């Protein structure tokens, strides 16, 4: 599919942008924290189902690419549903130093992603398995950390929505 990569990349980007647009309306109704928890949980479950289908051979080979394409779209859409909300949640108590705090959050996120990207890249074996496994692990960890943050601080001091 290499000769059509640009087309699939474009379509994935356009479809995934729906996550950002959807986030704008859902964040007011559901709240940042709940939305992130749902997105991470959903992505972890979807990735696990596709990973198990691939590992067990239950997924028909004819569906390999269509399901991978769907999965990658959902992965990018999840980013649209979570990244802005996570930054806003992280910066809520730091309004008086928001610029420096935003830079610090961005730097920590980037540095923390490097070992994950290196490990996933080194595990590449010509299949989607390492990437799906990394998504299951990372989305699962993010889901549990977001749940923990909800238990620690169930009612943030400032919020977009009382549903947080």
Protein backbone atom coordinates (compact mmCIF):
# COMPACT_ATOMS: atom_id res chain seq x y z
CA UNK A 1 0.00 0.00 0.00
CA UNK A 2 3.11 2.21 -0.03
CA UNK A 3 2.27 3.94 -3.29
CA UNK A 4 -1.04 5.13 -1.81
CA UNK A 5 0.37 6.06 1.61
CA UNK A 6 -0.21 9.78 1.03
CA UNK A 7 -3.90 9.15 0.37
CA UNK A 8 -4.40 7.03 3.49
CA UNK A 9 -2.45 9.55 5.57
CA UNK A 10 -4.65 12.39 4.30
CA UNK A 11 -7.91 10.51 4.93
CA UNK A 12 -6.75 9.46 8.42
CA UNK A 13 -5.89 13.07 9.26
CA UNK A 14 -9.19 14.40 7.98
CA UNK A 15 -11.23 11.76 9.79
CA UNK A 16 -9.21 12.12 12.99
CA UNK A 17 -9.75 15.88 13.04
CA UNK A 18 -13.31 14.96 13.95
CA UNK A 19 -11.93 14.10 17.40
CA UNK A 20 -10.89 17.70 17.97
CA UNK A 21 -14.20 19.04 16.69
CA UNK A 22 -16.14 16.51 18.77
CA UNK A 23 -14.06 17.43 21.82
CA UNK A 24 -15.25 21.04 21.63
CA UNK A 25 -18.86 20.02 22.24
CA UNK A 26 -18.31 16.99 24.47
CA UNK A 27 -15.97 18.69 26.93
CA UNK A 28 -18.74 21.07 28.01
CA UNK A 29 -21.27 18.25 28.48
CA UNK A 30 -19.04 15.50 29.90
CA UNK A 31 -16.03 17.32 31.35
CA UNK A 32 -12.33 17.09 30.60
CA UNK A 33 -11.46 14.32 33.01
CA UNK A 34 -14.39 12.05 32.13
CA UNK A 35 -13.77 12.54 28.43
CA UNK A 36 -10.09 11.62 28.79
CA UNK A 37 -10.94 8.55 30.89
CA UNK A 38 -13.48 7.37 28.31
CA UNK A 39 -11.11 7.99 25.39
CA UNK A 40 -8.18 6.17 27.00
CA UNK A 41 -10.36 3.27 28.14
CA UNK A 42 -11.98 2.92 24.74
CA UNK A 43 -8.64 3.03 22.95
CA UNK A 44 -7.11 0.46 25.29
CA UNK A 45 -10.04 -1.92 24.76
CA UNK A 46 -10.13 -1.46 20.98
CA UNK A 47 -6.36 -1.94 20.74
CA UNK A 48 -6.53 -5.04 22.93
CA UNK A 49 -9.31 -6.58 20.82
CA UNK A 50 -7.39 -5.97 17.59
CA UNK A 51 -4.14 -7.19 19.15
CA UNK A 52 -5.77 -10.40 20.36
CA UNK A 53 -7.46 -10.88 16.98
CA UNK A 54 -4.09 -10.53 15.28
CA UNK A 55 -2.17 -12.74 17.72
CA UNK A 56 -4.74 -15.54 17.72
CA UNK A 57 -5.27 -15.50 13.96
CA UNK A 58 -9.02 -14.99 14.43
CA UNK A 59 -8.95 -11.84 12.33
CA UNK A 60 -9.29 -12.68 8.63
CA UNK A 61 -6.26 -11.55 6.63
CA UNK A 62 -8.54 -9.62 4.26
CA UNK A 63 -9.45 -7.34 7.21
CA UNK A 64 -5.84 -6.64 8.26
CA UNK A 65 -5.49 -3.33 6.46
CA UNK A 66 -9.07 -2.03 6.83
CA UNK A 67 -8.99 -2.70 10.58
CA UNK A 68 -5.52 -1.19 10.93
CA UNK A 69 -6.72 1.89 9.04
CA UNK A 70 -9.78 2.15 11.32
CA UNK A 71 -7.60 1.63 14.40
CA UNK A 72 -5.11 4.33 13.37
CA UNK A 73 -7.99 6.75 12.75
CA UNK A 74 -9.36 6.07 16.24
CA UNK A 75 -5.88 6.54 17.71
CA UNK A 76 -5.52 9.99 16.17
CA UNK A 77 -9.12 10.89 17.07
CA UNK A 78 -8.35 9.91 20.68
CA UNK A 79 -5.47 12.38 20.60
CA UNK A 80 -7.96 15.07 19.59
CA UNK A 81 -10.19 14.08 22.49
CA UNK A 82 -7.44 14.05 25.10
CA UNK A 83 -4.33 16.16 24.49
CA UNK A 84 -5.87 19.60 24.92
CA UNK A 85 -7.88 18.44 27.92
CA UNK A 86 -4.85 16.90 29.60
CA UNK A 87 -2.88 20.11 29.19
CA UNK A 88 -5.77 22.15 30.57
CA UNK A 89 -6.11 19.81 33.57
CA UNK A 90 -2.38 19.97 34.24
CA UNK A 91 -2.36 23.77 34.08
CA UNK A 92 -5.51 24.43 36.15
CA UNK A 93 -3.74 25.12 39.44
CA UNK A 94 -0.87 26.98 37.75
CA UNK A 95 -2.64 29.98 36.24
CA UNK A 96 -0.19 32.47 37.72
CA UNK A 97 2.74 30.77 35.93
CA UNK A 98 0.83 29.34 32.96
CA UNK A 99 3.50 30.08 30.34
CA UNK A 100 6.31 28.39 32.19
CA UNK A 101 4.03 25.55 33.30
CA UNK A 102 2.87 24.93 29.73
CA UNK A 103 6.48 24.76 28.54
CA UNK A 104 7.37 22.37 31.35
CA UNK A 105 4.38 20.09 30.65
CA UNK A 106 5.31 20.02 26.94
CA UNK A 107 8.96 19.25 27.67
CA UNK A 108 8.15 16.48 30.16
CA UNK A 109 5.62 14.94 27.75
CA UNK A 110 8.15 14.92 24.92
CA UNK A 111 11.00 13.51 27.00
CA UNK A 112 8.73 10.84 28.53
CA UNK A 113 7.57 9.78 25.05
CA UNK A 114 11.11 9.13 23.80
CA UNK A 115 11.76 5.84 25.64
CA UNK A 116 8.31 4.59 24.67
CA UNK A 117 8.93 5.44 21.01
CA UNK A 118 12.40 3.86 21.09
CA UNK A 119 11.13 0.63 22.65
CA UNK A 120 8.21 0.42 20.23
CA UNK A 121 10.43 1.17 17.25
CA UNK A 122 13.03 -1.40 18.27
CA UNK A 123 10.28 -4.00 18.68
CA UNK A 124 9.08 -3.47 15.11
CA UNK A 125 8.97 -6.80 13.31
CA UNK A 126 7.11 -5.91 10.14
CA UNK A 127 3.70 -6.29 11.79
CA UNK A 128 1.33 -4.01 13.67
CA UNK A 129 1.73 -6.04 16.87
CA UNK A 130 4.39 -3.87 18.61
CA UNK A 131 2.44 -0.69 17.90
CA UNK A 132 -0.86 -2.16 19.10
CA UNK A 133 0.81 -3.59 22.20
CA UNK A 134 2.34 -0.19 22.98
CA UNK A 135 -1.09 1.40 22.55
CA UNK A 136 -2.73 -1.15 24.87
CA UNK A 137 -0.09 -0.55 27.54
CA UNK A 138 0.08 3.24 27.23
CA UNK A 139 -3.68 3.78 26.93
CA UNK A 140 -4.27 1.36 29.81
CA UNK A 141 -1.78 3.17 32.03
CA UNK A 142 -3.26 6.54 31.05
CA UNK A 143 -6.76 5.24 31.83
CA UNK A 144 -5.75 4.10 35.32
CA UNK A 145 -3.78 7.29 36.04
CA UNK A 146 -6.75 9.41 34.99
CA UNK A 147 -9.03 7.33 37.22
CA UNK A 148 -6.56 7.78 40.07
CA UNK A 149 -6.45 11.54 39.46
CA UNK A 150 -10.24 11.60 39.67
CA UNK A 151 -10.14 9.80 43.01
CA UNK A 152 -7.45 12.13 44.36
CA UNK A 153 -9.08 15.34 43.12
CA UNK A 154 -12.71 14.57 42.19
CA UNK A 155 -13.73 18.24 42.18
CA UNK A 156 -11.08 20.48 40.61
CA UNK A 157 -10.97 24.06 41.87
CA UNK A 158 -11.64 25.46 38.38
CA UNK A 159 -13.35 23.54 35.67
CA UNK A 160 -14.88 23.89 32.25
CA UNK A 161 -17.80 21.84 33.42
CA UNK A 162 -19.23 20.66 36.72
CA UNK A 163 -19.20 17.18 35.16
CA UNK A 164 -15.40 16.99 35.65
